Each structure stands twice: as C-alpha cells, then as structure tokens.
Amino acid sequence: MKLRIRDNSVRLRLEQGEVAALREQQQVAAATGFADGAVFNYRVESSRTSRQPEAMFENNSLIVRIPEASVIAWADSEQVSIQGEQALAGGEDLAILVEKDFACLAPREGEDESDMYPHPQADDPTVQC
C-alpha cells in the first residue's frame, strides 16, 4: 500500500491482494519505522457504520474508513477509486482518495509490480507513466 499526504489530502493506492484483503478481512495495514524507534502506522478499514470515507489520526496511526458497501462495489468492479471529503475544524476539508494501484507503462528498476492492476491504457503508445 502506498500513502501520499499533501496539505489537506490523503491518497492511498492498493495492489490487487490488498484490495482483496480489505474486502475479505475488512482492513489492510502498513507501517514505516524510523531510526529513533518510532513507527508510523496506517491502515484502511471497511466499515459497516461509516456513511462516507473518513480519516482520523490516533496513537501515531492514520486510519481511513470506507463504507463496506463502497468497498465491495469497488473491489468487484472496474471502478478505479473511492473518494470523499471530510469537514475539518476551521471550515476546511480533507480530501480522501483510495484507489487501485496500476502498473506503470514503462518498467522501473527495483519496482515489484507483480500484484498491481494492469494499466488500462497499456496498449496506448501515447500514454506515459
């Protein structure tokens, strides 16, 4: 699972096995360790009680919850992403995007793309990764 945070936006990309785990086990998680021993955890959860995508930060962990019905529909279709916005204090919004991770069109050294989704434009020579 890849995580990108920029300003008030959170974007997660999941490979095929991770999408399947989210659908079947209701969550997928990852962690990043640091030299001082600190660990940043992040996970996506399928939630029966959530009505829209939502994110929270608790105990050094980023948790993104997606409605279960949205996860099932997404996992079982060609739908690329689930997105939403969450109101923040001060009138701003947090943009949340969870998407399927596609293989690049041009191979990259050191990148394992064996579990990524086939790129939908792989046969189009005008599209670059």
N, C-alpha and C. Protein backbone atom coordinates (compact mmCIF):
# COMPACT_ATOMS: atom_id res chain seq x y z
N MET A 1 0.85 -1.17 0.00
CA MET A 1 0.00 0.00 0.00
C MET A 1 0.89 1.23 0.00
N LYS A 2 0.55 2.15 -0.85
CA LYS A 2 1.30 3.40 -0.94
C LYS A 2 0.46 4.52 -0.33
N LEU A 3 1.13 5.42 0.36
CA LEU A 3 0.47 6.54 1.01
C LEU A 3 1.08 7.84 0.51
N ARG A 4 0.21 8.78 0.19
CA ARG A 4 0.66 10.12 -0.18
C ARG A 4 -0.18 11.12 0.59
N ILE A 5 0.50 12.00 1.30
CA ILE A 5 -0.17 13.06 2.04
C ILE A 5 0.36 14.38 1.51
N ARG A 6 -0.55 15.26 1.18
CA ARG A 6 -0.15 16.59 0.72
C ARG A 6 -1.21 17.57 1.19
N ASP A 7 -0.77 18.54 2.00
CA ASP A 7 -1.70 19.52 2.55
C ASP A 7 -2.90 18.79 3.14
N ASN A 8 -4.10 19.15 2.75
CA ASN A 8 -5.30 18.50 3.29
C ASN A 8 -5.82 17.42 2.35
N SER A 9 -4.93 16.53 1.96
CA SER A 9 -5.36 15.40 1.15
C SER A 9 -4.58 14.15 1.55
N VAL A 10 -5.28 13.03 1.54
CA VAL A 10 -4.71 11.72 1.83
C VAL A 10 -5.07 10.81 0.66
N ARG A 11 -4.05 10.16 0.09
CA ARG A 11 -4.26 9.28 -1.05
C ARG A 11 -3.57 7.95 -0.76
N LEU A 12 -4.30 6.87 -0.90
CA LEU A 12 -3.76 5.53 -0.71
C LEU A 12 -3.98 4.72 -1.98
N ARG A 13 -2.93 4.01 -2.39
CA ARG A 13 -3.03 3.13 -3.56
C ARG A 13 -2.85 1.69 -3.08
N LEU A 14 -3.78 0.84 -3.46
CA LEU A 14 -3.75 -0.56 -3.03
C LEU A 14 -3.55 -1.48 -4.22
N GLU A 15 -2.71 -2.49 -4.01
CA GLU A 15 -2.50 -3.52 -5.01
C GLU A 15 -3.65 -4.53 -4.95
N GLN A 16 -3.69 -5.45 -5.90
CA GLN A 16 -4.79 -6.40 -6.01
C GLN A 16 -5.00 -7.21 -4.72
N GLY A 17 -3.94 -7.73 -4.15
CA GLY A 17 -4.05 -8.52 -2.92
C GLY A 17 -4.55 -7.70 -1.75
N GLU A 18 -4.17 -6.43 -1.71
CA GLU A 18 -4.61 -5.54 -0.64
C GLU A 18 -6.09 -5.20 -0.77
N VAL A 19 -6.55 -5.01 -2.01
CA VAL A 19 -7.98 -4.77 -2.23
C VAL A 19 -8.78 -6.00 -1.79
N ALA A 20 -8.28 -7.18 -2.13
CA ALA A 20 -8.95 -8.42 -1.72
C ALA A 20 -8.96 -8.55 -0.20
N ALA A 21 -7.86 -8.22 0.46
CA ALA A 21 -7.80 -8.29 1.92
C ALA A 21 -8.77 -7.29 2.55
N LEU A 22 -8.87 -6.10 1.99
CA LEU A 22 -9.80 -5.11 2.51
C LEU A 22 -11.23 -5.63 2.39
N ARG A 23 -11.54 -6.25 1.27
CA ARG A 23 -12.89 -6.78 1.08
C ARG A 23 -13.17 -7.96 2.01
N GLU A 24 -12.22 -8.87 2.14
CA GLU A 24 -12.44 -10.11 2.89
C GLU A 24 -12.17 -9.98 4.40
N GLN A 25 -11.12 -9.27 4.78
CA GLN A 25 -10.75 -9.16 6.19
C GLN A 25 -11.08 -7.80 6.79
N GLN A 26 -11.68 -6.93 6.02
CA GLN A 26 -12.13 -5.61 6.43
C GLN A 26 -11.02 -4.62 6.77
N GLN A 27 -9.76 -4.97 6.50
CA GLN A 27 -8.70 -3.98 6.69
C GLN A 27 -7.41 -4.42 6.01
N VAL A 28 -6.59 -3.43 5.72
CA VAL A 28 -5.23 -3.65 5.23
C VAL A 28 -4.38 -2.59 5.92
N ALA A 29 -3.19 -3.01 6.38
CA ALA A 29 -2.36 -2.10 7.18
C ALA A 29 -0.91 -2.15 6.72
N ALA A 30 -0.19 -1.07 7.02
CA ALA A 30 1.24 -0.97 6.72
C ALA A 30 1.87 -0.10 7.80
N ALA A 31 3.20 -0.13 7.87
CA ALA A 31 3.92 0.65 8.87
C ALA A 31 5.26 1.10 8.30
N THR A 32 5.71 2.24 8.79
CA THR A 32 7.02 2.77 8.43
C THR A 32 7.78 3.03 9.72
N GLY A 33 8.96 2.41 9.84
CA GLY A 33 9.78 2.60 11.03
C GLY A 33 10.80 3.70 10.81
N PHE A 34 11.24 4.30 11.92
CA PHE A 34 12.22 5.38 11.88
C PHE A 34 13.40 5.04 12.80
N ALA A 35 14.52 5.69 12.57
CA ALA A 35 15.77 5.37 13.27
C ALA A 35 15.64 5.49 14.78
N ASP A 36 14.80 6.39 15.26
CA ASP A 36 14.67 6.56 16.71
C ASP A 36 13.74 5.53 17.34
N GLY A 37 13.26 4.58 16.54
CA GLY A 37 12.38 3.53 17.06
C GLY A 37 10.91 3.85 16.90
N ALA A 38 10.58 5.06 16.50
CA ALA A 38 9.18 5.42 16.28
C ALA A 38 8.64 4.67 15.06
N VAL A 39 7.36 4.39 15.08
CA VAL A 39 6.70 3.71 13.98
C VAL A 39 5.44 4.48 13.62
N PHE A 40 5.30 4.77 12.33
CA PHE A 40 4.08 5.39 11.82
C PHE A 40 3.26 4.29 11.17
N ASN A 41 2.06 4.07 11.67
CA ASN A 41 1.17 3.04 11.15
C ASN A 41 0.06 3.68 10.33
N TYR A 42 -0.38 2.99 9.29
CA TYR A 42 -1.52 3.45 8.53
C TYR A 42 -2.31 2.25 8.05
N ARG A 43 -3.63 2.45 7.99
CA ARG A 43 -4.48 1.35 7.55
C ARG A 43 -5.77 1.88 6.94
N VAL A 44 -6.36 1.04 6.12
CA VAL A 44 -7.67 1.30 5.54
C VAL A 44 -8.59 0.22 6.09
N GLU A 45 -9.75 0.65 6.53
CA GLU A 45 -10.74 -0.27 7.09
C GLU A 45 -12.05 -0.19 6.32
N SER A 46 -12.69 -1.32 6.17
CA SER A 46 -14.04 -1.39 5.65
C SER A 46 -14.97 -1.32 6.85
N SER A 47 -15.92 -0.39 6.82
CA SER A 47 -16.75 -0.14 8.00
C SER A 47 -18.23 -0.24 7.68
N ARG A 48 -18.94 -1.01 8.47
CA ARG A 48 -20.39 -1.12 8.31
C ARG A 48 -21.12 0.13 8.78
N THR A 49 -20.48 0.91 9.64
CA THR A 49 -21.15 2.07 10.22
C THR A 49 -20.82 3.39 9.52
N SER A 50 -19.75 3.43 8.74
CA SER A 50 -19.38 4.67 8.05
C SER A 50 -20.33 4.92 6.88
N ARG A 51 -20.69 6.17 6.70
CA ARG A 51 -21.57 6.54 5.59
C ARG A 51 -20.79 7.16 4.43
N GLN A 52 -19.57 7.58 4.70
CA GLN A 52 -18.70 8.16 3.67
C GLN A 52 -17.26 7.95 4.11
N PRO A 53 -16.29 8.09 3.20
CA PRO A 53 -14.90 7.95 3.60
C PRO A 53 -14.56 8.96 4.71
N GLU A 54 -13.79 8.51 5.68
CA GLU A 54 -13.37 9.37 6.78
C GLU A 54 -11.98 8.96 7.23
N ALA A 55 -11.25 9.92 7.78
CA ALA A 55 -9.89 9.66 8.25
C ALA A 55 -9.71 10.22 9.64
N MET A 56 -8.88 9.55 10.41
CA MET A 56 -8.54 10.02 11.75
C MET A 56 -7.09 9.68 12.05
N PHE A 57 -6.51 10.41 12.98
CA PHE A 57 -5.13 10.16 13.40
C PHE A 57 -5.15 9.91 14.90
N GLU A 58 -4.79 8.69 15.30
CA GLU A 58 -4.81 8.27 16.70
C GLU A 58 -3.57 7.45 17.01
N ASN A 59 -2.88 7.76 18.10
CA ASN A 59 -1.74 6.95 18.56
C ASN A 59 -0.73 6.66 17.45
N ASN A 60 -0.28 7.71 16.77
CA ASN A 60 0.69 7.59 15.67
C ASN A 60 0.19 6.75 14.51
N SER A 61 -1.12 6.66 14.36
CA SER A 61 -1.71 5.87 13.28
C SER A 61 -2.72 6.68 12.49
N LEU A 62 -2.60 6.60 11.17
CA LEU A 62 -3.61 7.15 10.28
C LEU A 62 -4.58 6.03 9.95
N ILE A 63 -5.86 6.28 10.17
CA ILE A 63 -6.89 5.29 9.90
C ILE A 63 -7.87 5.90 8.91
N VAL A 64 -8.07 5.22 7.80
CA VAL A 64 -9.05 5.66 6.81
C VAL A 64 -10.15 4.60 6.80
N ARG A 65 -11.38 5.05 7.00
CA ARG A 65 -12.53 4.14 7.00
C ARG A 65 -13.38 4.42 5.77
N ILE A 66 -13.77 3.33 5.12
CA ILE A 66 -14.57 3.39 3.91
C ILE A 66 -15.85 2.58 4.17
N PRO A 67 -17.01 3.06 3.74
CA PRO A 67 -18.23 2.26 3.91
C PRO A 67 -18.09 0.89 3.26
N GLU A 68 -18.53 -0.13 3.96
CA GLU A 68 -18.40 -1.51 3.48
C GLU A 68 -19.02 -1.70 2.10
N ALA A 69 -20.19 -1.14 1.87
CA ALA A 69 -20.85 -1.29 0.56
C ALA A 69 -19.99 -0.69 -0.56
N SER A 70 -19.32 0.43 -0.27
CA SER A 70 -18.44 1.05 -1.26
C SER A 70 -17.24 0.17 -1.55
N VAL A 71 -16.68 -0.44 -0.52
CA VAL A 71 -15.52 -1.34 -0.68
C VAL A 71 -15.90 -2.52 -1.55
N ILE A 72 -17.04 -3.14 -1.27
CA ILE A 72 -17.47 -4.32 -2.03
C ILE A 72 -17.70 -3.96 -3.50
N ALA A 73 -18.41 -2.86 -3.74
CA ALA A 73 -18.69 -2.45 -5.12
C ALA A 73 -17.40 -2.13 -5.86
N TRP A 74 -16.47 -1.48 -5.20
CA TRP A 74 -15.18 -1.10 -5.79
C TRP A 74 -14.33 -2.33 -6.09
N ALA A 75 -14.23 -3.23 -5.11
CA ALA A 75 -13.37 -4.40 -5.25
C ALA A 75 -13.84 -5.33 -6.37
N ASP A 76 -15.13 -5.37 -6.59
CA ASP A 76 -15.70 -6.30 -7.56
C ASP A 76 -16.01 -5.67 -8.91
N SER A 77 -15.36 -4.54 -9.22
CA SER A 77 -15.67 -3.85 -10.46
C SER A 77 -14.42 -3.23 -11.08
N GLU A 78 -14.62 -2.56 -12.18
CA GLU A 78 -13.55 -1.83 -12.85
C GLU A 78 -13.37 -0.43 -12.26
N GLN A 79 -14.20 -0.08 -11.28
CA GLN A 79 -14.10 1.22 -10.63
C GLN A 79 -12.69 1.42 -10.10
N VAL A 80 -12.09 2.57 -10.37
CA VAL A 80 -10.70 2.82 -10.01
C VAL A 80 -10.54 3.32 -8.58
N SER A 81 -11.45 4.17 -8.12
CA SER A 81 -11.22 4.81 -6.83
C SER A 81 -12.49 5.00 -6.02
N ILE A 82 -12.27 5.26 -4.74
CA ILE A 82 -13.30 5.69 -3.82
C ILE A 82 -12.80 7.02 -3.27
N GLN A 83 -13.63 8.03 -3.34
CA GLN A 83 -13.18 9.33 -2.85
C GLN A 83 -14.25 10.00 -2.01
N GLY A 84 -13.80 10.91 -1.19
CA GLY A 84 -14.72 11.67 -0.37
C GLY A 84 -14.02 12.86 0.25
N GLU A 85 -14.79 13.66 0.93
CA GLU A 85 -14.25 14.80 1.66
C GLU A 85 -14.80 14.76 3.07
N GLN A 86 -13.97 15.19 4.00
CA GLN A 86 -14.35 15.22 5.40
C GLN A 86 -14.13 16.64 5.92
N ALA A 87 -15.13 17.19 6.56
CA ALA A 87 -15.02 18.54 7.09
C ALA A 87 -14.02 18.58 8.24
N LEU A 88 -13.20 19.62 8.24
CA LEU A 88 -12.22 19.84 9.30
C LEU A 88 -12.60 21.08 10.10
N ALA A 89 -12.03 21.20 11.27
CA ALA A 89 -12.22 22.41 12.07
C ALA A 89 -11.71 23.60 11.28
N GLY A 90 -12.35 24.72 11.40
CA GLY A 90 -11.90 25.90 10.69
C GLY A 90 -12.49 26.05 9.30
N GLY A 91 -13.40 25.16 8.93
CA GLY A 91 -14.07 25.30 7.64
C GLY A 91 -13.37 24.67 6.46
N GLU A 92 -12.22 24.04 6.67
CA GLU A 92 -11.52 23.37 5.57
C GLU A 92 -12.01 21.93 5.43
N ASP A 93 -11.62 21.29 4.33
CA ASP A 93 -11.97 19.90 4.08
C ASP A 93 -10.71 19.07 3.89
N LEU A 94 -10.81 17.80 4.25
CA LEU A 94 -9.76 16.83 3.99
C LEU A 94 -10.23 15.98 2.82
N ALA A 95 -9.48 15.96 1.73
CA ALA A 95 -9.79 15.12 0.58
C ALA A 95 -9.22 13.72 0.83
N ILE A 96 -10.04 12.70 0.62
CA ILE A 96 -9.64 11.31 0.84
C ILE A 96 -9.82 10.56 -0.47
N LEU A 97 -8.77 9.86 -0.90
CA LEU A 97 -8.81 9.10 -2.14
C LEU A 97 -8.15 7.74 -1.89
N VAL A 98 -8.88 6.69 -2.16
CA VAL A 98 -8.34 5.32 -2.09
C VAL A 98 -8.52 4.74 -3.48
N GLU A 99 -7.42 4.27 -4.07
CA GLU A 99 -7.50 3.81 -5.45
C GLU A 99 -6.71 2.54 -5.69
N LYS A 100 -7.05 1.88 -6.78
CA LYS A 100 -6.32 0.71 -7.20
C LYS A 100 -4.99 1.16 -7.80
N ASP A 101 -3.94 0.42 -7.49
CA ASP A 101 -2.60 0.77 -7.96
C ASP A 101 -2.32 0.06 -9.28
N PHE A 102 -2.11 0.86 -10.33
CA PHE A 102 -1.84 0.32 -11.66
C PHE A 102 -0.35 0.20 -11.92
N ALA A 103 0.01 -0.81 -12.67
CA ALA A 103 1.39 -0.97 -13.11
C ALA A 103 1.76 0.20 -14.01
N CYS A 104 3.00 0.60 -13.95
CA CYS A 104 3.48 1.68 -14.82
C CYS A 104 3.55 1.17 -16.25
N LEU A 105 3.47 2.09 -17.16
CA LEU A 105 3.57 1.74 -18.58
C LEU A 105 5.01 1.48 -18.99
N ALA A 106 5.95 2.14 -18.31
CA ALA A 106 7.37 1.92 -18.57
C ALA A 106 7.97 1.24 -17.33
N PRO A 107 8.66 0.14 -17.49
CA PRO A 107 9.24 -0.56 -16.34
C PRO A 107 10.20 0.34 -15.56
N ARG A 108 10.18 0.19 -14.23
CA ARG A 108 11.08 0.95 -13.37
C ARG A 108 11.94 -0.03 -12.59
N GLU A 109 13.22 0.23 -12.59
CA GLU A 109 14.17 -0.65 -11.91
C GLU A 109 13.87 -0.70 -10.41
N GLY A 110 13.85 -1.91 -9.87
CA GLY A 110 13.65 -2.10 -8.44
C GLY A 110 12.21 -2.06 -7.99
N GLU A 111 11.29 -1.91 -8.90
CA GLU A 111 9.86 -1.82 -8.56
C GLU A 111 9.19 -3.16 -8.85
N ASP A 112 8.59 -3.77 -7.82
CA ASP A 112 7.85 -5.02 -8.00
C ASP A 112 6.40 -4.67 -8.32
N GLU A 113 6.00 -4.91 -9.53
CA GLU A 113 4.65 -4.57 -9.97
C GLU A 113 3.80 -5.82 -10.20
N SER A 114 4.23 -6.96 -9.66
CA SER A 114 3.57 -8.22 -9.94
C SER A 114 2.14 -8.30 -9.41
N ASP A 115 1.80 -7.52 -8.37
CA ASP A 115 0.44 -7.57 -7.81
C ASP A 115 -0.37 -6.32 -8.15
N MET A 116 0.18 -5.47 -9.00
CA MET A 116 -0.56 -4.26 -9.38
C MET A 116 -1.58 -4.59 -10.46
N TYR A 117 -2.56 -3.74 -10.56
CA TYR A 117 -3.58 -3.90 -11.60
C TYR A 117 -2.96 -3.58 -12.95
N PRO A 118 -3.38 -4.28 -14.00
CA PRO A 118 -2.89 -3.93 -15.34
C PRO A 118 -3.35 -2.50 -15.67
N HIS A 119 -2.46 -1.74 -16.25
CA HIS A 119 -2.79 -0.36 -16.59
C HIS A 119 -3.83 -0.36 -17.70
N PRO A 120 -4.92 0.40 -17.54
CA PRO A 120 -5.99 0.37 -18.57
C PRO A 120 -5.56 0.95 -19.91
N GLN A 121 -4.47 1.69 -19.94
CA GLN A 121 -4.01 2.28 -21.19
C GLN A 121 -2.69 1.64 -21.64
N ALA A 122 -2.45 0.42 -21.23
CA ALA A 122 -1.19 -0.25 -21.55
C ALA A 122 -0.97 -0.41 -23.05
N ASP A 123 -2.04 -0.47 -23.81
CA ASP A 123 -1.90 -0.65 -25.25
C ASP A 123 -1.86 0.66 -26.02
N ASP A 124 -1.92 1.79 -25.31
CA ASP A 124 -1.90 3.11 -25.95
C ASP A 124 -0.48 3.66 -25.90
N PRO A 125 0.25 3.69 -27.01
CA PRO A 125 1.65 4.14 -27.01
C PRO A 125 1.84 5.62 -26.72
N THR A 126 0.78 6.40 -26.74
CA THR A 126 0.91 7.84 -26.47
C THR A 126 0.86 8.17 -24.99
N VAL A 127 0.52 7.21 -24.15
CA VAL A 127 0.39 7.45 -22.71
C VAL A 127 1.68 7.05 -22.01
N GLN A 128 2.20 7.92 -21.18
CA GLN A 128 3.42 7.65 -20.39
C GLN A 128 3.06 7.48 -18.92
N CYS A 129 3.89 6.75 -18.19
CA CYS A 129 3.68 6.53 -16.76
C CYS A 129 3.98 7.78 -15.98
